[in-house]
């Protein structure tokens, strides 16, 4: 049995967090459900409680796999592959879109949750600090906030953009254009490629759902997302189909064998 150990990203009576401060973990959880991987999730509030000292970590027999990208590759090699039915072109499009999201969308989400003062002080820090033990809760949120700001400045603060206000302005302009592009690409379809979700759907969902569902005090970026109704419906549909107890259990048992047909991937 495969199992992952991740931070407590949700209340125990919910299947998906209203606010998820680790963006890639939402994508990882979604991919596990899409690929029908037999994952048993354990929530811990201290990274030192994991076998490696890192979160997330996947444990399979004597193998420990850290970092979301490595975990996804591990699942694919074990034939839990949500992309087995993609064409070569769709595989290339997936890689291109994921690179675009990493460059244009993720920095704005980091800023929204970790750098925006109103959101950080009133939502992210209290939410995160309440879920980790003393004394980690005194300094770890601040450390993560500084790390997010440093990432943004290092990747976006290049000439001719120097001041943080200029960086923030360009950051959100790029992110809104990225959301518009995603909305156009999705159109009226249920998923980005056909009738079954793939790794691109997992990646997009992992980034959008926390923004869509969080109760943000400063919601200017969130408001742009809510105007794109097809992306909101996309998130609602995945939440309903895969992150409610009854639907998740039913789909897991009935469709696991269909997904584990092939280890082939065009990614």
Protein backbone atom coordinates (compact mmCIF):
# COMPACT_ATOMS: atom_id res chain seq x y z
CA UNK A 1 0.00 0.00 0.00
CA UNK A 2 1.37 3.39 -0.99
CA UNK A 3 0.97 6.17 1.51
CA UNK A 4 1.84 9.83 1.74
CA UNK A 5 2.54 11.94 4.76
CA UNK A 6 1.65 15.58 4.30
CA UNK A 7 0.96 18.60 6.47
CA UNK A 8 -2.58 19.01 7.86
CA UNK A 9 -3.94 20.95 4.93
CA UNK A 10 -7.56 20.51 5.89
CA UNK A 11 -9.90 20.19 8.79
CA UNK A 12 -10.40 16.54 9.62
CA UNK A 13 -14.10 16.68 8.68
CA UNK A 14 -13.41 17.93 5.16
CA UNK A 15 -11.91 16.27 2.09
CA UNK A 16 -10.39 19.44 0.69
CA UNK A 17 -8.98 22.52 2.40
CA UNK A 18 -10.75 25.85 2.19
CA UNK A 19 -7.31 27.42 2.36
CA UNK A 20 -4.30 25.47 1.21
CA UNK A 21 -0.99 27.18 1.84
CA UNK A 22 1.04 24.49 0.03
CA UNK A 23 -0.09 24.89 -3.56
CA UNK A 24 1.58 21.79 -5.01
CA UNK A 25 0.08 19.51 -2.38
CA UNK A 26 -3.41 20.16 -3.73
CA UNK A 27 -2.20 19.15 -7.19
CA UNK A 28 -0.61 16.01 -5.74
CA UNK A 29 -3.79 15.02 -3.93
CA UNK A 30 -5.84 15.59 -7.08
CA UNK A 31 -3.44 13.57 -9.24
CA UNK A 32 -3.60 10.69 -6.78
CA UNK A 33 -7.37 10.64 -7.10
CA UNK A 34 -7.35 11.01 -10.90
CA UNK A 35 -4.87 8.13 -11.33
CA UNK A 36 -6.64 5.93 -8.74
CA UNK A 37 -3.37 5.43 -6.88
CA UNK A 38 -4.03 3.53 -3.62
CA UNK A 39 -2.76 6.34 -1.42
CA UNK A 40 -3.35 6.41 2.30
CA UNK A 41 -2.89 9.97 3.53
CA UNK A 42 -1.51 10.77 6.97
CA UNK A 43 -1.65 14.33 8.28
CA UNK A 44 1.11 15.52 10.59
CA UNK A 45 1.76 18.94 12.08
CA UNK A 46 5.52 18.69 12.30
CA UNK A 47 7.92 17.87 9.43
CA UNK A 48 10.32 16.25 11.90
CA UNK A 49 7.73 13.52 12.42
CA UNK A 50 8.23 12.30 8.86
CA UNK A 51 10.94 9.70 8.13
CA UNK A 52 12.92 12.17 6.03
CA UNK A 53 12.24 15.44 7.86
CA UNK A 54 10.52 16.72 4.71
CA UNK A 55 6.89 17.09 3.67
CA UNK A 56 5.31 15.72 1.62
CA UNK A 57 6.87 12.29 1.57
CA UNK A 58 5.55 9.12 -0.05
CA UNK A 59 6.40 5.81 1.58
CA UNK A 60 6.16 2.58 -0.36
CA UNK A 61 7.66 -0.40 1.45
CA UNK A 62 11.29 0.67 2.05
CA UNK A 63 11.21 3.56 -0.45
CA UNK A 64 10.87 7.17 0.66
CA UNK A 65 10.08 9.73 -2.06
CA UNK A 66 10.12 13.46 -1.32
CA UNK A 67 8.99 16.50 -3.34
CA UNK A 68 5.75 16.57 -5.37
CA UNK A 69 7.44 16.18 -8.78
CA UNK A 70 9.35 13.10 -7.65
CA UNK A 71 6.20 11.60 -6.15
CA UNK A 72 4.29 12.11 -9.41
CA UNK A 73 7.08 10.43 -11.39
CA UNK A 74 7.13 7.55 -8.90
CA UNK A 75 3.39 7.01 -9.34
CA UNK A 76 3.71 7.10 -13.14
CA UNK A 77 6.45 4.47 -13.06
CA UNK A 78 4.12 2.28 -10.99
CA UNK A 79 1.52 2.64 -13.78
CA UNK A 80 -0.71 5.05 -11.86
CA UNK A 81 -0.80 7.39 -14.80
CA UNK A 82 -3.53 9.94 -15.48
CA UNK A 83 -1.95 10.81 -18.86
CA UNK A 84 -1.77 7.39 -20.51
CA UNK A 85 -4.39 8.29 -23.14
CA UNK A 86 -2.87 11.61 -24.24
CA UNK A 87 -1.51 12.09 -27.74
CA UNK A 88 2.05 13.33 -28.24
CA UNK A 89 0.73 16.83 -29.00
CA UNK A 90 -1.44 16.84 -25.88
CA UNK A 91 1.54 15.71 -23.84
CA UNK A 92 3.60 18.59 -25.23
CA UNK A 93 0.75 21.03 -24.57
CA UNK A 94 0.57 19.78 -20.99
CA UNK A 95 4.25 20.48 -20.37
CA UNK A 96 3.94 23.93 -21.97
CA UNK A 97 0.92 24.87 -19.87
CA UNK A 98 2.50 23.66 -16.64
CA UNK A 99 5.62 25.72 -17.38
CA UNK A 100 3.42 28.75 -18.07
CA UNK A 101 1.50 28.28 -14.82
CA UNK A 102 4.73 27.99 -12.85
CA UNK A 103 6.06 31.19 -14.40
CA UNK A 104 2.93 33.35 -14.52
CA UNK A 105 0.37 32.08 -12.02
CA UNK A 106 2.18 30.54 -9.06
CA UNK A 107 4.09 33.75 -8.12
CA UNK A 108 0.81 35.68 -7.88
CA UNK A 109 -0.66 32.97 -5.65
CA UNK A 110 2.41 33.05 -3.41
CA UNK A 111 1.99 36.81 -3.15
CA UNK A 112 -1.75 36.56 -2.47
CA UNK A 113 -1.39 34.12 0.41
CA UNK A 114 2.05 34.87 1.82
CA UNK A 115 3.05 38.45 0.98
CA UNK A 116 -0.16 40.48 0.81
CA UNK A 117 -0.22 41.93 4.33
CA UNK A 118 -3.98 41.79 4.84
CA UNK A 119 -4.29 38.19 3.69
CA UNK A 120 -1.17 37.01 5.51
CA UNK A 121 -2.02 38.61 8.86
CA UNK A 122 -5.73 37.76 8.87
CA UNK A 123 -5.85 34.40 7.08
CA UNK A 124 -2.63 32.60 6.19
CA UNK A 125 -0.57 33.09 9.33
CA UNK A 126 -3.38 32.35 11.84
CA UNK A 127 -4.58 29.36 9.80
CA UNK A 128 -1.10 27.89 9.43
CA UNK A 129 0.08 28.67 12.98
CA UNK A 130 -2.99 26.96 14.45
CA UNK A 131 -2.00 23.69 12.76
CA UNK A 132 1.63 23.40 13.79
CA UNK A 133 3.01 22.96 17.31
CA UNK A 134 4.79 25.43 19.54
CA UNK A 135 7.46 26.74 19.06
CA UNK A 136 7.41 26.11 15.29
CA UNK A 137 4.26 28.21 14.97
CA UNK A 138 6.15 31.27 16.23
CA UNK A 139 8.66 31.48 13.41
CA UNK A 140 7.80 29.04 10.61
CA UNK A 141 4.97 31.14 9.06
CA UNK A 142 7.24 34.20 8.97
CA UNK A 143 10.03 32.15 7.43
CA UNK A 144 7.69 30.91 4.70
CA UNK A 145 6.44 34.45 4.05
CA UNK A 146 9.99 35.72 3.63
CA UNK A 147 10.81 32.78 1.37
CA UNK A 148 7.81 33.59 -0.84
CA UNK A 149 8.82 37.24 -1.09
CA UNK A 150 12.42 36.33 -1.92
CA UNK A 151 11.23 33.95 -4.65
CA UNK A 152 9.08 36.68 -6.19
CA UNK A 153 11.80 39.33 -6.08
CA UNK A 154 14.48 37.02 -7.47
CA UNK A 155 12.32 35.75 -10.35
CA UNK A 156 10.35 38.90 -11.18
CA UNK A 157 12.41 41.86 -9.99
CA UNK A 158 14.60 42.12 -13.09
CA UNK A 159 15.31 45.31 -15.10
CA UNK A 160 13.45 47.44 -16.03
CA UNK A 161 11.24 46.49 -13.02
CA UNK A 162 12.92 47.33 -9.74
CA UNK A 163 10.48 48.43 -7.01
CA UNK A 164 8.24 45.94 -5.21
CA UNK A 165 5.15 47.90 -6.32
CA UNK A 166 6.18 47.55 -9.95
CA UNK A 167 6.85 43.86 -9.40
CA UNK A 168 3.43 43.37 -7.81
CA UNK A 169 1.67 45.20 -10.63
CA UNK A 170 3.34 43.14 -13.36
CA UNK A 171 2.89 39.96 -11.34
CA UNK A 172 -0.89 40.28 -11.19
CA UNK A 173 -1.19 41.44 -14.79
CA UNK A 174 0.63 38.31 -15.93
CA UNK A 175 -1.45 36.09 -13.65
CA UNK A 176 -4.76 37.51 -14.86
CA UNK A 177 -3.71 37.00 -18.48
CA UNK A 178 -2.81 33.42 -17.56
CA UNK A 179 -6.25 32.86 -16.04
CA UNK A 180 -7.86 34.28 -19.16
CA UNK A 181 -5.82 31.90 -21.31
CA UNK A 182 -6.82 28.93 -19.16
CA UNK A 183 -10.46 29.94 -19.41
CA UNK A 184 -10.22 30.22 -23.19
CA UNK A 185 -8.45 26.85 -23.47
CA UNK A 186 -10.99 25.08 -21.26
CA UNK A 187 -13.98 26.60 -23.04
CA UNK A 188 -17.14 24.61 -22.34
CA UNK A 189 -15.30 21.31 -21.77
CA UNK A 190 -15.37 19.50 -18.46
CA UNK A 191 -11.61 18.91 -18.50
CA UNK A 192 -8.71 20.21 -20.58
CA UNK A 193 -8.31 17.01 -22.63
CA UNK A 194 -11.46 15.03 -23.22
CA UNK A 195 -13.78 13.55 -20.65
CA UNK A 196 -11.21 12.33 -18.11
CA UNK A 197 -8.93 14.49 -15.94
CA UNK A 198 -5.18 14.44 -16.54
CA UNK A 199 -2.10 15.83 -14.82
CA UNK A 200 -2.82 19.26 -16.32
CA UNK A 201 -6.25 19.25 -14.70
CA UNK A 202 -4.63 18.26 -11.40
CA UNK A 203 -2.06 21.03 -11.67
CA UNK A 204 -4.62 23.70 -12.61
CA UNK A 205 -7.02 22.56 -9.90
CA UNK A 206 -4.26 22.57 -7.28
CA UNK A 207 -3.49 26.20 -8.03
CA UNK A 208 -7.00 27.52 -8.58
CA UNK A 209 -9.07 25.75 -5.91
CA UNK A 210 -7.33 27.33 -2.88
CA UNK A 211 -7.71 30.78 -4.46
CA UNK A 212 -11.32 30.06 -5.37
CA UNK A 213 -12.34 28.71 -1.95
CA UNK A 214 -10.29 30.78 0.49
CA UNK A 215 -12.04 33.59 2.37
CA UNK A 216 -9.53 36.27 1.46
CA UNK A 217 -9.78 39.70 3.12
CA UNK A 218 -7.94 41.20 0.12
CA UNK A 219 -9.71 39.56 -2.82
CA UNK A 220 -8.86 41.58 -5.94
CA UNK A 221 -7.12 38.64 -7.62
CA UNK A 222 -9.73 36.18 -6.40
CA UNK A 223 -12.45 38.40 -7.89
CA UNK A 224 -10.89 38.05 -11.33
CA UNK A 225 -11.07 34.26 -11.04
CA UNK A 226 -14.72 34.30 -9.96
CA UNK A 227 -15.59 36.25 -13.11
CA UNK A 228 -14.36 33.28 -15.19
CA UNK A 229 -17.32 31.01 -14.65
CA UNK A 230 -15.97 28.00 -16.53
CA UNK A 231 -12.89 27.85 -14.28
CA UNK A 232 -15.10 28.09 -11.19
CA UNK A 233 -17.29 25.30 -12.54
CA UNK A 234 -14.13 23.29 -13.25
CA UNK A 235 -13.09 23.55 -9.58
CA UNK A 236 -16.60 22.83 -8.28
CA UNK A 237 -16.91 19.77 -10.51
CA UNK A 238 -13.62 18.24 -9.32
CA UNK A 239 -14.45 18.99 -5.70
CA UNK A 240 -17.81 17.28 -6.09
CA UNK A 241 -16.55 14.32 -8.13
CA UNK A 242 -13.33 13.56 -6.26
CA UNK A 243 -13.24 15.31 -2.89
CA UNK A 244 -16.49 14.20 -1.30
CA UNK A 245 -16.36 10.96 0.64
CA UNK A 246 -19.07 9.06 -1.22
CA UNK A 247 -17.99 10.01 -4.73
CA UNK A 248 -14.28 9.47 -4.01
CA UNK A 249 -14.82 6.00 -2.57
CA UNK A 250 -17.12 4.96 -5.38
CA UNK A 251 -14.84 6.14 -8.14
CA UNK A 252 -11.79 4.62 -6.45
CA UNK A 253 -13.25 1.13 -6.39
CA UNK A 254 -14.99 1.16 -9.77
CA UNK A 255 -12.35 2.84 -11.96
CA UNK A 256 -8.94 2.00 -10.51
CA UNK A 257 -8.35 -0.93 -12.87
CA UNK A 258 -9.33 1.19 -15.88
CA UNK A 259 -6.71 3.83 -15.06
CA UNK A 260 -3.88 1.40 -14.36
CA UNK A 261 -4.07 0.03 -17.90
CA UNK A 262 -0.76 1.31 -19.17
CA UNK A 263 2.46 2.83 -17.98
CA UNK A 264 2.89 4.68 -21.25
CA UNK A 265 2.92 8.45 -21.07
CA UNK A 266 3.52 11.19 -23.58
CA UNK A 267 4.95 13.45 -20.89
